[in-house]
Amino acid sequence: MDASKAKASDPKDRDFSFARKRGVVWVCDIAGSSRYLNDDASAQDLEDFLPRLYRTSAIMVEAAGGEFIKWTGDGFLAWFETPLHRDLKKIASTVFQAAFHLTVLVNVTQLGVASGKKFKLRHGVAYEKDALVTTIKSDDGVTLTDLIGRDVVLAFRLSGIEAQFPSIVTQRELADAHKEHAPSHINFAAWRPSKEDRLKFFKGEARGLSSICVTGARKLRTISKQAALKRSKSAIAAAEGRQPAKYPFHEVWDRFDPVFLSGPSWCRDVMAEYLRFIKDDLLGSLKGVVAIMEEVGADEERDKQVPGDG
């Protein structure tokens, strides 16, 4: 064989390095993606949606301080290294914050893809204490990272479980850490799997089953009309910037927003629709409720002042 041809056919040299690390794993996927791909009526819509999700989610992960590891076909794997265990509260809360924002943005805008199907995200988040992290460097300067571990596998399994908005399934350790760091916005409850659930999501294995939490609605505490009106007015004032939010939940979004807007034109269209929804649908509706409550309260006050017959 000619020596020059042999040299040209040789693969590029690659430098492999391995390290043990710990961190938070975030796995995201699209619910029912296989069903969409197998349906001629929705396959193209999903294919249009995926590249937009790839761009959006990569920016969101980086805004949260994580490393985007790889695409997984209909989702992604992200890694948030946690060298110090005492940082777990902040990191877990930041990951949940990023998942929350990504879910809302997709739910509201569908990333600008008009489809007869509603694409929804699911998230699995786990604490991997003993990940084997592989770094591959090629001679052209490209560096690739991948990781493996028991809780990496667990995160993939958790991402398949359905949960209420914002569709996050995680370990109790992370749910408790988040609750201590940021006790509002996202509420977790214990997951009670059926026998079918254990077989479907865990292949009959028991590891991790006893400490899984899912997002769900918090049980509302009964409050007076006056308290509800005061809380609603406070939320409107915070949304309009007239007073600080009680529980700031915007650090990741503030980093995500300018980078996302610097992308293709569809990014700006998506953001415009998102802001319209916040301003008109959410804030506008809340203002309408406040106006009705104030009117009812005024009517009740006048009724008290009107003397009875006789």
Foldseek 3Di string as FASTA:
>chain_A
DDPVVVVVPDDFDKDKDKDWFKWKKKKKFKPPPVVQCVDPQRNVLLVVLQVLLVVQLCLLQVLLVWAFADQDPGIGMITDTDRDPVCLLVSLLSVVLSLQVSQLLCQQCVLVRDHPDRIGMAMFMEIFGTKIKMWMATPVGDIHIDIDGDVNLVRVLQRNDAAPPVRYKYFQVSQVSPCVVFVDDWDKDQDDDDPVSCCVRVVVDDPRNRTMIGTDDDDDDDDDLVVVLVVLVVVLCCVVVVDPDPGDSCSSVVSSPVVQVPDDPSSVVSVVSSVCCVVCVPSVVSVVVSVVSVVVVVVVVVVVVDDDDD
